[in-house]
N, C-alpha and C. Protein backbone atom coordinates (compact mmCIF):
# COMPACT_ATOMS: atom_id res chain seq x y z
N MET A 1 13.37 23.36 -14.74
CA MET A 1 12.06 23.12 -14.13
C MET A 1 12.55 22.92 -13.04
N THR A 2 11.50 23.35 -11.86
CA THR A 2 11.62 24.18 -10.84
C THR A 2 11.62 22.41 -10.19
N ARG A 3 11.70 22.29 -9.15
CA ARG A 3 11.35 21.18 -7.76
C ARG A 3 10.06 20.87 -7.84
N GLN A 4 9.30 21.97 -7.62
CA GLN A 4 7.58 21.87 -7.38
C GLN A 4 7.53 21.19 -8.73
N ARG A 5 7.74 21.36 -9.35
CA ARG A 5 6.32 20.84 -10.68
C ARG A 5 7.28 19.76 -10.92
N THR A 6 8.48 19.18 -10.78
CA THR A 6 8.74 17.98 -10.45
C THR A 6 8.49 16.55 -9.46
N LEU A 7 7.98 17.45 -8.15
CA LEU A 7 7.34 16.56 -7.48
C LEU A 7 5.66 16.34 -7.65
N VAL A 8 5.14 17.61 -8.65
CA VAL A 8 3.94 17.07 -9.20
C VAL A 8 3.88 16.00 -9.93
N VAL A 9 4.62 16.21 -11.29
CA VAL A 9 5.29 15.32 -12.03
C VAL A 9 5.29 14.14 -11.67
N ALA A 10 6.65 13.55 -10.70
CA ALA A 10 6.26 12.53 -9.82
C ALA A 10 5.36 11.89 -9.45
N THR A 11 4.41 12.74 -8.54
CA THR A 11 3.28 12.83 -8.26
C THR A 11 2.40 12.11 -9.16
N ALA A 12 1.91 11.90 -10.03
CA ALA A 12 1.28 12.11 -11.21
C ALA A 12 1.32 10.51 -11.30
N ALA A 13 2.41 10.25 -11.51
CA ALA A 13 3.28 9.62 -12.22
C ALA A 13 2.91 8.26 -11.08
N ALA A 14 2.84 8.34 -9.98
CA ALA A 14 2.70 7.48 -8.61
C ALA A 14 1.63 6.74 -8.95
N CYS A 15 -0.15 7.99 -8.88
CA CYS A 15 -0.79 8.45 -9.41
C CYS A 15 -1.18 7.12 -10.20
N VAL A 16 -0.72 7.34 -12.23
CA VAL A 16 -0.62 6.28 -12.90
C VAL A 16 -0.56 5.20 -12.36
N ALA A 17 1.10 4.79 -11.36
CA ALA A 17 1.24 3.42 -11.22
C ALA A 17 0.27 2.41 -9.94
N ALA A 18 -0.13 3.10 -9.29
CA ALA A 18 -1.31 2.98 -8.09
C ALA A 18 -2.41 3.03 -8.93
N LEU A 19 -2.86 3.29 -9.75
CA LEU A 19 -4.16 2.95 -10.47
C LEU A 19 -3.90 1.57 -11.54
N TRP A 20 -2.50 1.50 -11.57
CA TRP A 20 -2.26 0.35 -13.09
C TRP A 20 -2.54 -0.34 -11.79
N GLY A 21 -1.90 -0.82 -10.77
CA GLY A 21 -1.49 -1.78 -10.08
C GLY A 21 -2.85 -2.86 -9.41
N MET A 22 -3.56 -1.22 -9.20
CA MET A 22 -5.32 -1.82 -8.35
C MET A 22 -6.14 -2.22 -10.03
N LEU A 23 -6.12 -2.11 -11.04
CA LEU A 23 -7.02 -2.79 -12.13
C LEU A 23 -6.20 -3.68 -12.16
N ALA A 24 -4.94 -4.26 -12.52
CA ALA A 24 -4.62 -5.52 -13.51
C ALA A 24 -4.67 -6.39 -12.94
N ASN A 25 -5.35 -7.75 -13.05
CA ASN A 25 -5.72 -8.92 -13.06
C ASN A 25 -4.28 -10.11 -12.83
N ALA A 26 -3.12 -9.11 -12.21
CA ALA A 26 -2.08 -10.37 -12.26
C ALA A 26 -1.66 -9.96 -10.50
N TRP A 27 -2.38 -10.24 -9.35
CA TRP A 27 -2.09 -9.90 -8.21
C TRP A 27 -1.54 -11.59 -8.23
N LEU A 28 -2.13 -12.70 -8.42
CA LEU A 28 -1.65 -13.85 -8.07
C LEU A 28 -1.59 -14.16 -9.20
N VAL A 29 -0.47 -15.16 -9.89
CA VAL A 29 -0.45 -15.89 -11.08
C VAL A 29 0.03 -16.87 -11.47
N GLY A 30 -1.44 -18.14 -11.93
CA GLY A 30 -0.86 -18.99 -12.39
C GLY A 30 -1.66 -19.52 -13.90
N HIS A 31 -2.63 -20.41 -13.53
CA HIS A 31 -3.53 -20.59 -14.63
C HIS A 31 -3.96 -19.89 -15.22
N ASP A 32 -4.87 -18.89 -14.02
CA ASP A 32 -6.13 -18.11 -14.31
C ASP A 32 -5.52 -16.80 -13.73
N ARG A 33 -5.51 -15.62 -14.00
CA ARG A 33 -5.13 -14.44 -13.23
C ARG A 33 -6.14 -14.09 -12.09
N ILE A 34 -5.27 -13.96 -10.99
CA ILE A 34 -6.04 -13.03 -9.87
C ILE A 34 -5.95 -11.51 -9.70
N GLY A 35 -7.34 -10.85 -9.68
CA GLY A 35 -6.94 -9.77 -9.73
C GLY A 35 -8.05 -9.00 -8.02
N LEU A 36 -8.12 -7.78 -8.06
CA LEU A 36 -8.30 -7.84 -6.37
C LEU A 36 -9.88 -7.67 -7.00
N LEU A 37 -10.60 -7.72 -8.14
CA LEU A 37 -12.03 -7.94 -8.95
C LEU A 37 -12.58 -9.08 -9.21
N GLY A 38 -11.93 -9.79 -9.02
CA GLY A 38 -12.40 -11.47 -9.44
C GLY A 38 -10.91 -12.13 -9.66
N VAL A 39 -11.19 -12.94 -10.78
CA VAL A 39 -10.79 -13.94 -11.69
C VAL A 39 -10.66 -13.69 -12.94
N GLU A 40 -9.25 -13.36 -13.81
CA GLU A 40 -9.28 -13.58 -15.16
C GLU A 40 -9.33 -15.30 -15.75
N MET A 41 -10.20 -16.05 -16.20
CA MET A 41 -10.14 -17.49 -16.54
C MET A 41 -9.82 -17.93 -18.46
N CYS A 42 -9.10 -18.28 -18.35
CA CYS A 42 -8.66 -18.39 -19.53
C CYS A 42 -8.83 -20.02 -19.98
N ALA A 43 -9.76 -20.03 -21.55
CA ALA A 43 -9.59 -21.15 -21.74
C ALA A 43 -9.76 -21.77 -23.40
N ASP A 44 -10.77 -21.13 -24.24
CA ASP A 44 -11.20 -21.22 -25.67
C ASP A 44 -10.50 -19.69 -25.66
N TYR A 45 -11.16 -18.72 -24.49
CA TYR A 45 -11.57 -17.54 -24.50
C TYR A 45 -11.34 -17.26 -23.05
N CYS A 46 -10.82 -16.17 -22.88
CA CYS A 46 -10.41 -15.28 -21.73
C CYS A 46 -11.64 -13.60 -21.22
N GLU A 47 -11.97 -14.50 -19.99
CA GLU A 47 -12.99 -13.84 -18.80
C GLU A 47 -12.88 -13.74 -17.84
N VAL A 48 -13.83 -12.21 -17.37
CA VAL A 48 -13.12 -12.23 -15.91
C VAL A 48 -14.26 -12.51 -15.52
N LYS A 49 -13.63 -13.33 -13.91
CA LYS A 49 -15.32 -13.63 -13.03
C LYS A 49 -14.90 -13.16 -11.66
N SER A 50 -16.12 -12.46 -11.49
CA SER A 50 -15.82 -11.69 -10.08
C SER A 50 -16.14 -12.39 -8.91
N TRP A 51 -15.98 -12.38 -7.85
CA TRP A 51 -16.11 -12.99 -6.07
C TRP A 51 -17.54 -13.61 -6.50
N GLY A 52 -18.44 -12.86 -6.53
CA GLY A 52 -19.83 -13.08 -6.10
C GLY A 52 -19.74 -14.47 -7.56
N ASP A 53 -19.44 -14.57 -8.76
CA ASP A 53 -19.85 -15.12 -9.72
C ASP A 53 -18.77 -16.67 -9.06
N LEU A 54 -17.85 -16.31 -8.82
CA LEU A 54 -17.44 -17.44 -8.24
C LEU A 54 -17.55 -18.56 -6.99
N HIS A 55 -18.79 -17.64 -6.32
CA HIS A 55 -19.25 -18.17 -5.14
C HIS A 55 -17.85 -18.27 -3.91
N ALA A 56 -16.84 -17.57 -4.14
CA ALA A 56 -15.89 -17.43 -3.16
C ALA A 56 -15.98 -16.68 -1.88
N PRO A 57 -14.68 -16.79 -0.81
CA PRO A 57 -15.67 -16.40 0.30
C PRO A 57 -15.91 -14.73 0.36
N ALA A 58 -16.52 -13.80 1.15
CA ALA A 58 -16.85 -12.77 1.50
C ALA A 58 -15.41 -11.90 1.87
N GLU A 59 -14.96 -12.37 2.70
CA GLU A 59 -13.91 -12.04 2.95
C GLU A 59 -12.82 -11.65 2.12
N LEU A 60 -13.04 -12.11 0.68
CA LEU A 60 -11.66 -11.90 -0.44
C LEU A 60 -12.32 -10.74 -0.95
N PHE A 61 -13.39 -11.06 -1.28
CA PHE A 61 -14.70 -9.64 -1.59
C PHE A 61 -14.78 -8.38 -0.71
N TRP A 62 -14.49 -8.13 0.56
CA TRP A 62 -14.26 -7.54 1.39
C TRP A 62 -13.19 -6.80 0.74
N LEU A 63 -11.83 -7.35 1.37
CA LEU A 63 -10.81 -7.06 1.14
C LEU A 63 -10.09 -6.48 0.20
N GLY A 64 -10.82 -6.91 -1.16
CA GLY A 64 -10.59 -6.92 -2.66
C GLY A 64 -11.07 -5.32 -2.56
N GLY A 65 -12.33 -4.65 -2.45
CA GLY A 65 -13.02 -3.12 -2.50
C GLY A 65 -12.13 -3.39 -1.25
N LEU A 66 -12.07 -3.02 -0.13
CA LEU A 66 -11.22 -2.37 0.67
C LEU A 66 -10.22 -1.53 0.25
N THR A 67 -9.07 -2.69 -0.48
CA THR A 67 -8.07 -2.15 -0.95
C THR A 67 -8.24 -1.64 -2.02
N LEU A 68 -9.07 -1.28 -2.97
CA LEU A 68 -9.33 -0.54 -4.21
C LEU A 68 -9.94 0.63 -3.67
N LEU A 69 -10.94 0.96 -2.38
CA LEU A 69 -11.36 2.11 -2.38
C LEU A 69 -10.20 3.00 -0.77
N GLY A 70 -9.18 1.90 -0.62
CA GLY A 70 -7.96 3.19 -0.40
C GLY A 70 -7.08 3.16 -0.76
N ALA A 71 -7.28 3.00 -2.24
CA ALA A 71 -6.17 3.20 -3.78
C ALA A 71 -6.73 4.48 -3.77
N ILE A 72 -8.19 4.44 -4.80
CA ILE A 72 -8.49 5.31 -4.78
C ILE A 72 -8.74 6.67 -3.96
N HIS A 73 -9.00 6.68 -2.68
CA HIS A 73 -8.80 7.75 -2.06
C HIS A 73 -7.17 8.32 -2.12
N THR A 74 -5.75 7.39 -1.77
CA THR A 74 -4.52 7.66 -2.13
C THR A 74 -4.79 8.34 -3.51
N ILE A 75 -4.88 8.20 -4.45
CA ILE A 75 -5.09 8.57 -5.64
C ILE A 75 -5.66 10.16 -5.41
N GLY A 76 -6.72 10.06 -5.32
CA GLY A 76 -7.89 10.95 -5.09
C GLY A 76 -6.65 12.72 -3.90
N PHE A 77 -6.64 11.64 -3.30
CA PHE A 77 -6.00 12.82 -2.35
C PHE A 77 -3.95 13.70 -2.95
N ALA A 78 -3.82 12.93 -3.82
CA ALA A 78 -2.51 13.07 -4.29
C ALA A 78 -2.91 13.49 -6.35
N ILE A 79 -4.26 13.83 -6.19
CA ILE A 79 -4.58 14.56 -7.21
C ILE A 79 -4.54 15.84 -6.19
N HIS A 80 -5.75 15.87 -5.17
CA HIS A 80 -5.52 17.40 -4.48
C HIS A 80 -4.65 18.33 -4.36
N ALA A 81 -3.48 17.47 -4.02
CA ALA A 81 -1.95 17.71 -3.42
C ALA A 81 -1.45 18.65 -4.77
N ILE A 82 -1.68 18.09 -5.83
CA ILE A 82 -1.49 18.61 -7.48
C ILE A 82 -2.52 19.40 -7.93
N VAL A 83 -3.62 19.65 -7.15
CA VAL A 83 -4.29 21.01 -7.53
C VAL A 83 -3.90 22.05 -6.82
N GLN A 84 -3.90 21.78 -5.51
CA GLN A 84 -3.46 23.10 -4.48
C GLN A 84 -1.88 23.21 -4.39
N ALA A 85 -0.90 22.60 -4.72
CA ALA A 85 0.43 23.29 -5.21
C ALA A 85 0.72 23.63 -6.51
N HIS A 86 -0.30 23.61 -8.01
CA HIS A 86 -0.92 23.99 -8.78
C HIS A 86 -1.36 25.87 -8.49
N ARG A 87 -2.04 25.59 -7.52
CA ARG A 87 -2.56 26.67 -7.19
C ARG A 87 -2.40 28.32 -6.37
N GLY A 88 -1.07 27.21 -5.24
CA GLY A 88 0.21 27.87 -4.37
C GLY A 88 -0.36 28.14 -3.39
N ARG A 89 -1.27 26.75 -3.11
CA ARG A 89 -2.16 26.90 -1.93
C ARG A 89 -1.24 25.34 -0.86
N LEU A 90 0.05 25.65 -0.71
CA LEU A 90 0.73 24.61 0.29
C LEU A 90 -0.26 24.33 1.23
N ASP A 91 -0.52 25.27 2.03
CA ASP A 91 -1.15 24.94 3.28
C ASP A 91 -2.39 24.10 3.51
N LYS A 92 -2.57 24.21 2.24
CA LYS A 92 -4.18 23.11 2.24
C LYS A 92 -4.26 21.67 1.63
N ILE A 93 -3.02 21.02 1.68
CA ILE A 93 -2.83 19.71 0.95
C ILE A 93 -2.98 18.91 2.53
N ARG A 94 -3.74 17.99 2.19
CA ARG A 94 -3.81 16.65 3.75
C ARG A 94 -2.74 15.51 3.61
N VAL A 95 -1.97 15.67 4.01
CA VAL A 95 -0.62 14.57 4.07
C VAL A 95 -1.39 13.64 4.76
N GLY A 96 -1.83 14.19 6.58
CA GLY A 96 -2.33 12.89 7.09
C GLY A 96 -3.14 12.18 6.95
N TRP A 97 -4.52 12.76 5.94
CA TRP A 97 -5.57 11.86 5.09
C TRP A 97 -4.76 11.26 4.10
N THR A 98 -3.61 11.55 3.31
CA THR A 98 -2.98 10.79 2.10
C THR A 98 -2.26 9.51 3.36
N ILE A 99 -1.64 9.46 4.14
CA ILE A 99 -1.13 9.05 4.52
C ILE A 99 -1.88 7.43 5.24
N ALA A 100 -2.93 8.72 5.68
CA ALA A 100 -3.94 7.59 6.52
C ALA A 100 -4.76 6.58 5.56
N SER A 101 -4.75 7.23 4.46
CA SER A 101 -5.73 6.33 3.15
C SER A 101 -4.41 5.36 2.60
N ALA A 102 -2.77 5.49 2.53
CA ALA A 102 -2.42 4.83 1.67
C ALA A 102 -2.08 3.50 3.25
N VAL A 103 -2.13 3.84 4.41
CA VAL A 103 -2.07 2.45 4.87
C VAL A 103 -2.90 1.36 5.01
N THR A 104 -4.61 2.20 4.48
CA THR A 104 -6.13 1.94 4.84
C THR A 104 -5.51 1.07 2.80
N THR A 105 -4.62 0.83 2.30
CA THR A 105 -4.53 0.39 1.30
C THR A 105 -3.58 -0.43 1.45
N LEU A 106 -2.84 -0.22 2.04
CA LEU A 106 -1.32 -1.67 2.07
C LEU A 106 -1.76 -2.75 2.82
N VAL A 107 -2.15 -2.44 4.21
CA VAL A 107 -2.59 -3.92 4.82
C VAL A 107 -4.14 -4.45 4.06
N PRO A 108 -4.84 -3.95 3.83
CA PRO A 108 -6.18 -5.15 3.31
C PRO A 108 -5.45 -5.75 2.37
N GLY A 109 -3.92 -4.83 1.36
CA GLY A 109 -3.88 -5.86 0.47
C GLY A 109 -3.17 -6.59 0.97
N ALA A 110 -2.19 -6.18 1.74
CA ALA A 110 -0.97 -7.71 2.16
C ALA A 110 -2.53 -8.82 2.66
N ILE A 111 -3.38 -8.59 2.92
CA ILE A 111 -4.55 -9.32 3.85
C ILE A 111 -4.76 -10.34 2.83
N PHE A 112 -5.06 -9.52 1.87
CA PHE A 112 -6.18 -10.18 0.46
C PHE A 112 -4.97 -11.34 -0.34
N LEU A 113 -3.66 -10.65 -0.20
CA LEU A 113 -2.66 -11.42 -1.35
C LEU A 113 -2.46 -13.24 -0.29
N VAL A 114 -2.63 -12.73 1.25
CA VAL A 114 -2.52 -14.54 2.10
C VAL A 114 -3.75 -14.94 1.74
N ARG A 115 -4.91 -14.32 2.34
CA ARG A 115 -6.38 -14.96 2.25
C ARG A 115 -6.58 -15.47 0.73
N ALA A 116 -6.22 -15.08 -0.49
CA ALA A 116 -6.79 -15.12 -1.61
C ALA A 116 -5.97 -16.35 -1.76
N GLN A 117 -4.36 -16.46 -1.64
CA GLN A 117 -3.57 -18.20 -2.23
C GLN A 117 -4.52 -18.92 -1.10
N SER A 118 -4.92 -18.98 -0.37
CA SER A 118 -5.49 -19.86 1.50
C SER A 118 -6.53 -20.50 0.77
N ALA A 119 -7.60 -19.22 0.31
CA ALA A 119 -8.54 -19.17 -0.06
C ALA A 119 -9.10 -20.12 -1.41
N LEU A 120 -7.73 -20.25 -2.10
CA LEU A 120 -9.05 -20.59 -3.73
C LEU A 120 -7.52 -21.90 -3.68
N ARG A 121 -7.77 -23.06 -2.73
CA ARG A 121 -7.14 -24.11 -2.75
C ARG A 121 -6.35 -24.29 -4.30
N GLY A 122 -8.04 -24.95 -5.17
CA GLY A 122 -7.38 -25.94 -6.30
C GLY A 122 -6.47 -24.33 -6.63
N GLU A 123 -6.27 -23.39 -6.63
CA GLU A 123 -5.90 -23.04 -7.76
C GLU A 123 -4.38 -22.32 -7.01
N ALA A 124 -2.83 -23.27 -8.32
CA ALA A 124 -1.66 -22.86 -7.75
C ALA A 124 -1.07 -21.74 -8.38
N ALA A 125 -1.29 -20.60 -8.04
CA ALA A 125 -0.35 -18.98 -8.06
C ALA A 125 0.64 -18.59 -7.79
N SER A 126 1.49 -17.89 -8.07
CA SER A 126 2.47 -17.40 -7.50
C SER A 126 2.33 -16.03 -7.21
N LEU A 127 3.08 -15.05 -6.89
CA LEU A 127 2.90 -13.48 -6.83
C LEU A 127 3.18 -12.94 -7.94
N GLY A 128 2.11 -11.53 -8.58
CA GLY A 128 2.04 -11.03 -9.47
C GLY A 128 3.51 -9.76 -9.71
N TYR A 129 2.61 -9.24 -10.43
CA TYR A 129 3.65 -7.74 -10.53
C TYR A 129 2.28 -6.81 -10.08
N ALA A 130 1.41 -7.37 -9.89
CA ALA A 130 0.36 -5.96 -9.72
C ALA A 130 0.60 -5.34 -7.64
N PRO A 131 0.50 -6.36 -7.24
CA PRO A 131 0.82 -5.79 -5.88
C PRO A 131 1.44 -4.72 -5.66
N PHE A 132 2.99 -5.38 -6.03
CA PHE A 132 4.29 -4.77 -5.54
C PHE A 132 4.15 -3.05 -6.78
N VAL A 133 3.39 -2.99 -7.74
CA VAL A 133 2.95 -1.71 -8.51
C VAL A 133 2.33 -0.50 -7.78
N GLU A 134 1.41 -1.34 -7.17
CA GLU A 134 0.15 -1.07 -6.48
C GLU A 134 1.05 -0.33 -5.32
N ALA A 135 1.66 -0.66 -4.33
CA ALA A 135 2.39 -0.67 -3.23
C ALA A 135 3.22 0.67 -3.72
N ALA A 136 3.53 0.68 -4.81
CA ALA A 136 4.63 1.41 -4.98
C ALA A 136 4.75 2.68 -5.42
N GLY A 137 3.16 2.25 -6.33
CA GLY A 137 2.41 3.50 -6.54
C GLY A 137 1.98 4.51 -5.66
N VAL A 138 1.04 3.96 -4.37
CA VAL A 138 0.12 4.40 -3.47
C VAL A 138 1.67 5.02 -2.15
N ILE A 139 2.44 4.08 -1.75
CA ILE A 139 3.62 4.73 -0.95
C ILE A 139 4.66 6.14 -1.85
N ALA A 140 4.77 5.63 -3.09
CA ALA A 140 4.86 7.38 -4.09
C ALA A 140 4.27 8.35 -3.62
N ALA A 141 3.22 8.14 -3.83
CA ALA A 141 1.87 9.14 -3.46
C ALA A 141 2.16 9.86 -2.08
N ALA A 142 1.77 8.68 -1.67
CA ALA A 142 1.75 9.75 0.02
C ALA A 142 3.17 10.00 -0.11
N VAL A 143 4.19 9.80 0.41
CA VAL A 143 5.61 10.62 0.61
C VAL A 143 6.07 11.98 -0.32
N LEU A 144 5.35 11.71 -1.74
CA LEU A 144 5.44 13.01 -2.45
C LEU A 144 4.52 14.07 -2.28
N VAL A 145 2.90 13.84 -1.62
CA VAL A 145 2.15 14.39 -1.07
C VAL A 145 2.99 15.40 -0.13
N ARG A 146 3.43 15.13 1.04
CA ARG A 146 4.44 15.67 2.07
C ARG A 146 5.35 16.12 1.52
N GLN A 147 5.94 15.53 0.70
CA GLN A 147 7.00 16.46 0.26
C GLN A 147 6.58 17.36 -0.34
N LEU A 148 5.55 17.81 -1.24
CA LEU A 148 4.94 18.92 -2.13
C LEU A 148 4.55 19.29 -1.01
N ARG A 149 4.50 19.03 0.74
CA ARG A 149 3.46 20.49 1.24
C ARG A 149 4.54 20.65 2.25
N THR A 150 5.51 19.89 1.99
CA THR A 150 7.00 20.67 3.37
C THR A 150 7.71 21.57 1.94
N GLY A 151 7.57 21.18 1.14
CA GLY A 151 8.68 21.62 0.37
C GLY A 151 9.86 21.38 -0.24
N ARG A 152 10.54 20.17 0.86
CA ARG A 152 11.80 19.70 0.53
C ARG A 152 11.88 18.87 0.20
């Protein structure tokens, strides 16, 4: 397997990890599971309540939404890089935009973790696996896109 093919496969795996972490309801875990889209509440059965349903502070909705959009953009730029690498047009890969979208994913995500814990005071929760998976996927995608472009 060539180095470029290895980078393409690793970039695709990073995109899957970012997507998994983004959609998982395990950003904060306690009695209920808190994710970017809302809270999964389980009693006799489990249901996901959105931030609007819970009348949560609007900042949770916005921070979660910005994190989702940033991750979607990063995944999109990584897929674009994979397509351009397949076509042999490495000069068309947008490294700067990929890194910028990765930063706009990580910063609101970190703020979301802090604010969700303090905004939901009645909920005792610890840090789950999802923010680590999402952050690792986003960072790896940005680094691998840069490596695809430079060929190193």
